[in-house]
Amino acid sequence: MAVDPTGAALAHLAATDPGEPVVMLNLLRFAPEGRALYAEYSRQAAVFLKRYGGELLYAGDGCPALVAEPGQDWDAVLLVRYPSREAFSRMVADPEYQKITALRTRALTEAVLQPTAPWTGRGTG
């Protein structure tokens, strides 16, 4: 199962509206003992979020889904805002940040990391 973004996906993100703010949706499924590893990753990652202007908007546990196919439930959900896609790209390329990513990888069995863009000038329904 996917846990880490690929180089091609990161390159595409960096090339698409690099100056635009982005909110990353994180859907996480933990490995056994993964919560503790992810908590340590989060503690260390906070330094990099601050350095690159990121902000944790929301973090919470997943609850039983109201609408989902079997297997589409998640252990945790996070929303993280970055001032630009370029800032996110710089953060994940930072050699110091890359040293802590093994914690995240070991903590998870599956993840979704999806950039989002705000609705502007469109209906919300």
N, C-alpha and C. Protein backbone atom coordinates (compact mmCIF):
# COMPACT_ATOMS: atom_id res chain seq x y z
N MET A 1 0.83 -1.18 0.00
CA MET A 1 0.00 0.00 0.00
C MET A 1 0.88 1.25 0.00
N ALA A 2 0.36 2.31 -0.55
CA ALA A 2 1.11 3.56 -0.65
C ALA A 2 1.21 4.26 0.71
N VAL A 3 2.41 4.78 1.00
CA VAL A 3 2.64 5.53 2.22
C VAL A 3 3.35 6.85 1.92
N ASP A 4 4.34 6.80 1.02
CA ASP A 4 5.16 7.97 0.72
C ASP A 4 4.88 8.47 -0.69
N PRO A 5 4.93 9.79 -0.90
CA PRO A 5 4.73 10.33 -2.25
C PRO A 5 5.90 9.95 -3.16
N THR A 6 5.61 9.79 -4.44
CA THR A 6 6.65 9.48 -5.41
C THR A 6 7.29 10.77 -5.90
N GLY A 7 8.47 10.65 -6.47
CA GLY A 7 9.16 11.80 -7.05
C GLY A 7 8.33 12.44 -8.16
N ALA A 8 7.67 11.62 -8.98
CA ALA A 8 6.86 12.16 -10.07
C ALA A 8 5.67 12.95 -9.52
N ALA A 9 5.04 12.45 -8.46
CA ALA A 9 3.90 13.17 -7.87
C ALA A 9 4.35 14.49 -7.27
N LEU A 10 5.51 14.49 -6.61
CA LEU A 10 6.03 15.74 -6.03
C LEU A 10 6.40 16.74 -7.12
N ALA A 11 6.97 16.26 -8.22
CA ALA A 11 7.33 17.15 -9.33
C ALA A 11 6.08 17.77 -9.95
N HIS A 12 5.03 16.97 -10.09
CA HIS A 12 3.77 17.48 -10.64
C HIS A 12 3.18 18.55 -9.74
N LEU A 13 3.20 18.30 -8.43
CA LEU A 13 2.69 19.27 -7.47
C LEU A 13 3.46 20.59 -7.58
N ALA A 14 4.78 20.50 -7.64
CA ALA A 14 5.63 21.69 -7.69
C ALA A 14 5.41 22.48 -8.98
N ALA A 15 5.05 21.79 -10.06
CA ALA A 15 4.86 22.45 -11.34
C ALA A 15 3.47 23.05 -11.52
N THR A 16 2.53 22.65 -10.67
CA THR A 16 1.15 23.10 -10.79
C THR A 16 0.90 24.23 -9.80
N ASP A 17 0.76 25.45 -10.30
CA ASP A 17 0.49 26.62 -9.45
C ASP A 17 1.42 26.67 -8.24
N PRO A 18 2.74 26.74 -8.45
CA PRO A 18 3.68 26.64 -7.32
C PRO A 18 3.51 27.73 -6.27
N GLY A 19 2.98 28.89 -6.63
CA GLY A 19 2.82 29.98 -5.67
C GLY A 19 1.51 29.97 -4.91
N GLU A 20 0.61 29.07 -5.28
CA GLU A 20 -0.70 29.03 -4.64
C GLU A 20 -0.64 28.30 -3.31
N PRO A 21 -1.38 28.80 -2.30
CA PRO A 21 -1.48 28.07 -1.04
C PRO A 21 -2.11 26.70 -1.27
N VAL A 22 -1.83 25.77 -0.39
CA VAL A 22 -2.38 24.44 -0.52
C VAL A 22 -2.69 23.89 0.88
N VAL A 23 -3.81 23.19 0.98
CA VAL A 23 -4.14 22.45 2.19
C VAL A 23 -4.03 20.98 1.82
N MET A 24 -3.18 20.28 2.59
CA MET A 24 -2.97 18.85 2.35
C MET A 24 -3.91 18.05 3.24
N LEU A 25 -4.68 17.19 2.61
CA LEU A 25 -5.50 16.22 3.32
C LEU A 25 -4.64 14.99 3.55
N ASN A 26 -4.52 14.59 4.80
CA ASN A 26 -3.76 13.39 5.18
C ASN A 26 -4.73 12.38 5.77
N LEU A 27 -4.86 11.23 5.15
CA LEU A 27 -5.64 10.12 5.68
C LEU A 27 -4.64 9.04 6.05
N LEU A 28 -4.69 8.59 7.29
CA LEU A 28 -3.64 7.72 7.81
C LEU A 28 -4.19 6.41 8.37
N ARG A 29 -3.52 5.32 8.03
CA ARG A 29 -3.81 4.01 8.63
C ARG A 29 -2.52 3.55 9.30
N PHE A 30 -2.59 3.36 10.62
CA PHE A 30 -1.40 3.07 11.41
C PHE A 30 -1.04 1.58 11.42
N ALA A 31 0.26 1.32 11.43
CA ALA A 31 0.80 -0.01 11.69
C ALA A 31 0.66 -0.28 13.19
N PRO A 32 0.80 -1.54 13.61
CA PRO A 32 0.87 -1.78 15.06
C PRO A 32 2.00 -0.93 15.65
N GLU A 33 1.75 -0.30 16.75
CA GLU A 33 2.70 0.63 17.39
C GLU A 33 2.94 1.89 16.57
N GLY A 34 2.16 2.07 15.51
CA GLY A 34 2.37 3.20 14.62
C GLY A 34 1.98 4.55 15.20
N ARG A 35 1.00 4.58 16.08
CA ARG A 35 0.60 5.87 16.66
C ARG A 35 1.76 6.54 17.40
N ALA A 36 2.51 5.75 18.17
CA ALA A 36 3.63 6.32 18.91
C ALA A 36 4.71 6.83 17.96
N LEU A 37 4.99 6.07 16.91
CA LEU A 37 5.98 6.50 15.91
C LEU A 37 5.52 7.77 15.21
N TYR A 38 4.22 7.82 14.86
CA TYR A 38 3.70 8.99 14.17
C TYR A 38 3.71 10.21 15.10
N ALA A 39 3.44 10.00 16.36
CA ALA A 39 3.49 11.11 17.32
C ALA A 39 4.91 11.69 17.38
N GLU A 40 5.91 10.83 17.37
CA GLU A 40 7.30 11.31 17.37
C GLU A 40 7.63 12.03 16.06
N TYR A 41 7.19 11.45 14.94
CA TYR A 41 7.37 12.13 13.64
C TYR A 41 6.72 13.52 13.69
N SER A 42 5.50 13.61 14.18
CA SER A 42 4.78 14.88 14.24
C SER A 42 5.51 15.90 15.10
N ARG A 43 6.03 15.44 16.23
CA ARG A 43 6.77 16.34 17.11
C ARG A 43 7.98 16.92 16.38
N GLN A 44 8.72 16.08 15.66
CA GLN A 44 9.89 16.55 14.94
C GLN A 44 9.51 17.35 13.69
N ALA A 45 8.43 16.97 13.03
CA ALA A 45 8.01 17.66 11.81
C ALA A 45 7.51 19.08 12.10
N ALA A 46 7.06 19.33 13.32
CA ALA A 46 6.57 20.68 13.68
C ALA A 46 7.63 21.75 13.44
N VAL A 47 8.89 21.41 13.64
CA VAL A 47 9.99 22.34 13.39
C VAL A 47 10.00 22.75 11.92
N PHE A 48 9.80 21.78 11.03
CA PHE A 48 9.85 22.05 9.60
C PHE A 48 8.60 22.78 9.13
N LEU A 49 7.45 22.43 9.72
CA LEU A 49 6.23 23.17 9.38
C LEU A 49 6.43 24.65 9.66
N LYS A 50 6.96 24.96 10.83
CA LYS A 50 7.20 26.35 11.19
C LYS A 50 8.20 27.00 10.24
N ARG A 51 9.28 26.29 9.95
CA ARG A 51 10.34 26.81 9.08
C ARG A 51 9.81 27.19 7.70
N TYR A 52 8.87 26.40 7.18
CA TYR A 52 8.37 26.62 5.82
C TYR A 52 6.98 27.25 5.79
N GLY A 53 6.51 27.73 6.93
CA GLY A 53 5.25 28.46 6.98
C GLY A 53 4.02 27.59 6.99
N GLY A 54 4.17 26.30 7.28
CA GLY A 54 3.03 25.40 7.34
C GLY A 54 2.29 25.54 8.67
N GLU A 55 1.05 25.08 8.67
CA GLU A 55 0.21 25.17 9.87
C GLU A 55 -0.71 23.96 9.93
N LEU A 56 -0.69 23.26 11.05
CA LEU A 56 -1.63 22.17 11.27
C LEU A 56 -3.00 22.79 11.57
N LEU A 57 -3.96 22.56 10.69
CA LEU A 57 -5.30 23.12 10.86
C LEU A 57 -6.18 22.20 11.69
N TYR A 58 -5.99 20.90 11.53
CA TYR A 58 -6.85 19.94 12.22
C TYR A 58 -6.14 18.60 12.27
N ALA A 59 -6.29 17.91 13.39
CA ALA A 59 -5.84 16.53 13.54
C ALA A 59 -6.86 15.81 14.40
N GLY A 60 -7.31 14.65 13.95
CA GLY A 60 -8.29 13.91 14.71
C GLY A 60 -8.32 12.44 14.36
N ASP A 61 -8.92 11.67 15.24
CA ASP A 61 -9.08 10.24 15.00
C ASP A 61 -10.24 10.00 14.05
N GLY A 62 -10.09 8.99 13.21
CA GLY A 62 -11.19 8.58 12.35
C GLY A 62 -12.23 7.85 13.18
N CYS A 63 -13.48 8.07 12.86
CA CYS A 63 -14.60 7.40 13.51
C CYS A 63 -15.28 6.52 12.46
N PRO A 64 -16.18 5.65 12.86
CA PRO A 64 -16.85 4.82 11.85
C PRO A 64 -17.49 5.68 10.76
N ALA A 65 -17.23 5.30 9.52
CA ALA A 65 -17.72 6.08 8.37
C ALA A 65 -19.23 5.95 8.22
N LEU A 66 -19.85 7.02 7.81
CA LEU A 66 -21.27 7.00 7.50
C LEU A 66 -21.51 6.52 6.08
N VAL A 67 -20.60 6.90 5.17
CA VAL A 67 -20.69 6.47 3.79
C VAL A 67 -19.27 6.08 3.35
N ALA A 68 -19.05 4.81 3.10
CA ALA A 68 -17.75 4.33 2.63
C ALA A 68 -17.86 2.86 2.27
N GLU A 69 -17.01 2.46 1.36
CA GLU A 69 -16.90 1.05 1.03
C GLU A 69 -16.06 0.36 2.11
N PRO A 70 -16.17 -0.93 2.26
CA PRO A 70 -15.33 -1.64 3.23
C PRO A 70 -13.85 -1.32 2.98
N GLY A 71 -13.14 -1.06 4.05
CA GLY A 71 -11.71 -0.76 3.94
C GLY A 71 -11.39 0.70 3.70
N GLN A 72 -12.41 1.55 3.59
CA GLN A 72 -12.16 2.96 3.35
C GLN A 72 -12.16 3.80 4.62
N ASP A 73 -12.14 3.15 5.77
CA ASP A 73 -12.07 3.89 7.03
C ASP A 73 -10.60 4.19 7.33
N TRP A 74 -10.36 5.25 8.09
CA TRP A 74 -9.00 5.72 8.38
C TRP A 74 -8.84 5.89 9.88
N ASP A 75 -7.61 5.67 10.35
CA ASP A 75 -7.32 5.82 11.77
C ASP A 75 -7.23 7.28 12.19
N ALA A 76 -6.73 8.13 11.29
CA ALA A 76 -6.56 9.55 11.63
C ALA A 76 -6.67 10.40 10.37
N VAL A 77 -7.05 11.65 10.59
CA VAL A 77 -7.19 12.63 9.52
C VAL A 77 -6.47 13.91 9.96
N LEU A 78 -5.68 14.47 9.06
CA LEU A 78 -5.02 15.74 9.33
C LEU A 78 -5.24 16.66 8.15
N LEU A 79 -5.35 17.95 8.43
CA LEU A 79 -5.35 19.00 7.41
C LEU A 79 -4.20 19.93 7.74
N VAL A 80 -3.29 20.08 6.78
CA VAL A 80 -2.11 20.92 6.98
C VAL A 80 -2.05 21.95 5.85
N ARG A 81 -2.00 23.22 6.24
CA ARG A 81 -1.94 24.32 5.26
C ARG A 81 -0.50 24.75 5.06
N TYR A 82 -0.14 24.94 3.80
CA TYR A 82 1.18 25.47 3.43
C TYR A 82 0.95 26.77 2.66
N PRO A 83 1.83 27.76 2.83
CA PRO A 83 1.62 29.04 2.15
C PRO A 83 1.70 28.93 0.63
N SER A 84 2.38 27.88 0.15
CA SER A 84 2.45 27.64 -1.29
C SER A 84 2.84 26.18 -1.53
N ARG A 85 2.54 25.73 -2.72
CA ARG A 85 2.96 24.38 -3.10
C ARG A 85 4.48 24.31 -3.13
N GLU A 86 5.08 25.42 -3.51
CA GLU A 86 6.54 25.48 -3.55
C GLU A 86 7.13 25.34 -2.15
N ALA A 87 6.49 25.92 -1.14
CA ALA A 87 6.97 25.78 0.25
C ALA A 87 6.89 24.33 0.69
N PHE A 88 5.80 23.65 0.35
CA PHE A 88 5.69 22.23 0.68
C PHE A 88 6.80 21.45 0.00
N SER A 89 7.03 21.72 -1.27
CA SER A 89 8.08 21.02 -2.03
C SER A 89 9.45 21.25 -1.42
N ARG A 90 9.73 22.49 -1.00
CA ARG A 90 11.01 22.79 -0.37
C ARG A 90 11.15 22.03 0.95
N MET A 91 10.05 21.95 1.70
CA MET A 91 10.10 21.25 2.98
C MET A 91 10.45 19.77 2.79
N VAL A 92 9.74 19.10 1.89
CA VAL A 92 9.98 17.66 1.73
C VAL A 92 11.34 17.37 1.10
N ALA A 93 11.92 18.36 0.42
CA ALA A 93 13.25 18.19 -0.16
C ALA A 93 14.37 18.52 0.82
N ASP A 94 14.02 19.14 1.94
CA ASP A 94 15.02 19.54 2.94
C ASP A 94 15.72 18.28 3.48
N PRO A 95 17.05 18.21 3.36
CA PRO A 95 17.76 17.02 3.84
C PRO A 95 17.53 16.71 5.32
N GLU A 96 17.37 17.73 6.14
CA GLU A 96 17.10 17.51 7.56
C GLU A 96 15.71 16.89 7.75
N TYR A 97 14.73 17.37 6.99
CA TYR A 97 13.39 16.79 7.06
C TYR A 97 13.41 15.34 6.60
N GLN A 98 14.15 15.06 5.55
CA GLN A 98 14.19 13.70 5.01
C GLN A 98 14.72 12.70 6.04
N LYS A 99 15.52 13.16 6.99
CA LYS A 99 16.04 12.28 8.04
C LYS A 99 14.93 11.75 8.95
N ILE A 100 13.82 12.47 9.07
CA ILE A 100 12.74 12.03 9.97
C ILE A 100 11.62 11.29 9.25
N THR A 101 11.65 11.25 7.93
CA THR A 101 10.54 10.63 7.20
C THR A 101 10.45 9.12 7.43
N ALA A 102 11.55 8.49 7.83
CA ALA A 102 11.49 7.05 8.12
C ALA A 102 10.52 6.76 9.26
N LEU A 103 10.40 7.69 10.20
CA LEU A 103 9.43 7.52 11.29
C LEU A 103 8.02 7.43 10.73
N ARG A 104 7.69 8.34 9.82
CA ARG A 104 6.36 8.36 9.21
C ARG A 104 6.13 7.07 8.43
N THR A 105 7.11 6.67 7.64
CA THR A 105 6.99 5.47 6.83
C THR A 105 6.75 4.24 7.70
N ARG A 106 7.49 4.10 8.78
CA ARG A 106 7.33 2.95 9.69
C ARG A 106 6.01 3.01 10.44
N ALA A 107 5.48 4.20 10.67
CA ALA A 107 4.24 4.36 11.44
C ALA A 107 3.00 3.93 10.67
N LEU A 108 3.06 3.95 9.35
CA LEU A 108 1.86 3.79 8.53
C LEU A 108 1.87 2.52 7.70
N THR A 109 0.68 1.98 7.49
CA THR A 109 0.53 0.89 6.53
C THR A 109 -0.08 1.40 5.24
N GLU A 110 -0.77 2.54 5.32
CA GLU A 110 -1.40 3.13 4.13
C GLU A 110 -1.68 4.59 4.43
N ALA A 111 -1.62 5.40 3.38
CA ALA A 111 -1.89 6.82 3.56
C ALA A 111 -2.41 7.42 2.26
N VAL A 112 -3.14 8.51 2.41
CA VAL A 112 -3.51 9.38 1.30
C VAL A 112 -2.96 10.75 1.66
N LEU A 113 -2.22 11.35 0.76
CA LEU A 113 -1.73 12.71 0.91
C LEU A 113 -2.21 13.45 -0.33
N GLN A 114 -3.30 14.20 -0.16
CA GLN A 114 -3.97 14.82 -1.30
C GLN A 114 -3.98 16.32 -1.17
N PRO A 115 -3.34 17.02 -2.13
CA PRO A 115 -3.42 18.47 -2.12
C PRO A 115 -4.85 18.89 -2.46
N THR A 116 -5.29 19.97 -1.85
CA THR A 116 -6.62 20.50 -2.15
C THR A 116 -6.49 21.96 -2.53
N ALA A 117 -7.49 22.45 -3.23
CA ALA A 117 -7.54 23.85 -3.62
C ALA A 117 -8.91 24.40 -3.23
N PRO A 118 -8.96 25.64 -2.76
CA PRO A 118 -10.25 26.19 -2.34
C PRO A 118 -11.19 26.40 -3.52
N TRP A 119 -12.46 26.27 -3.24
CA TRP A 119 -13.47 26.62 -4.23
C TRP A 119 -13.58 28.12 -4.28
N THR A 120 -13.40 28.68 -5.44
CA THR A 120 -13.57 30.12 -5.60
C THR A 120 -14.42 30.35 -6.84
N GLY A 121 -15.47 31.13 -6.65
CA GLY A 121 -16.33 31.45 -7.77
C GLY A 121 -17.14 30.29 -8.30
N ARG A 122 -17.20 29.20 -7.53
CA ARG A 122 -17.98 28.03 -7.94
C ARG A 122 -19.00 27.72 -6.86
N GLY A 123 -20.01 27.03 -7.23
CA GLY A 123 -20.96 26.57 -6.23
C GLY A 123 -20.30 25.56 -5.31
N THR A 124 -20.85 25.41 -4.14
CA THR A 124 -20.28 24.47 -3.18
C THR A 124 -21.06 23.19 -3.10
N GLY A 125 -22.01 22.96 -3.95
CA GLY A 125 -22.80 21.76 -3.88
C GLY A 125 -22.61 20.98 -5.07
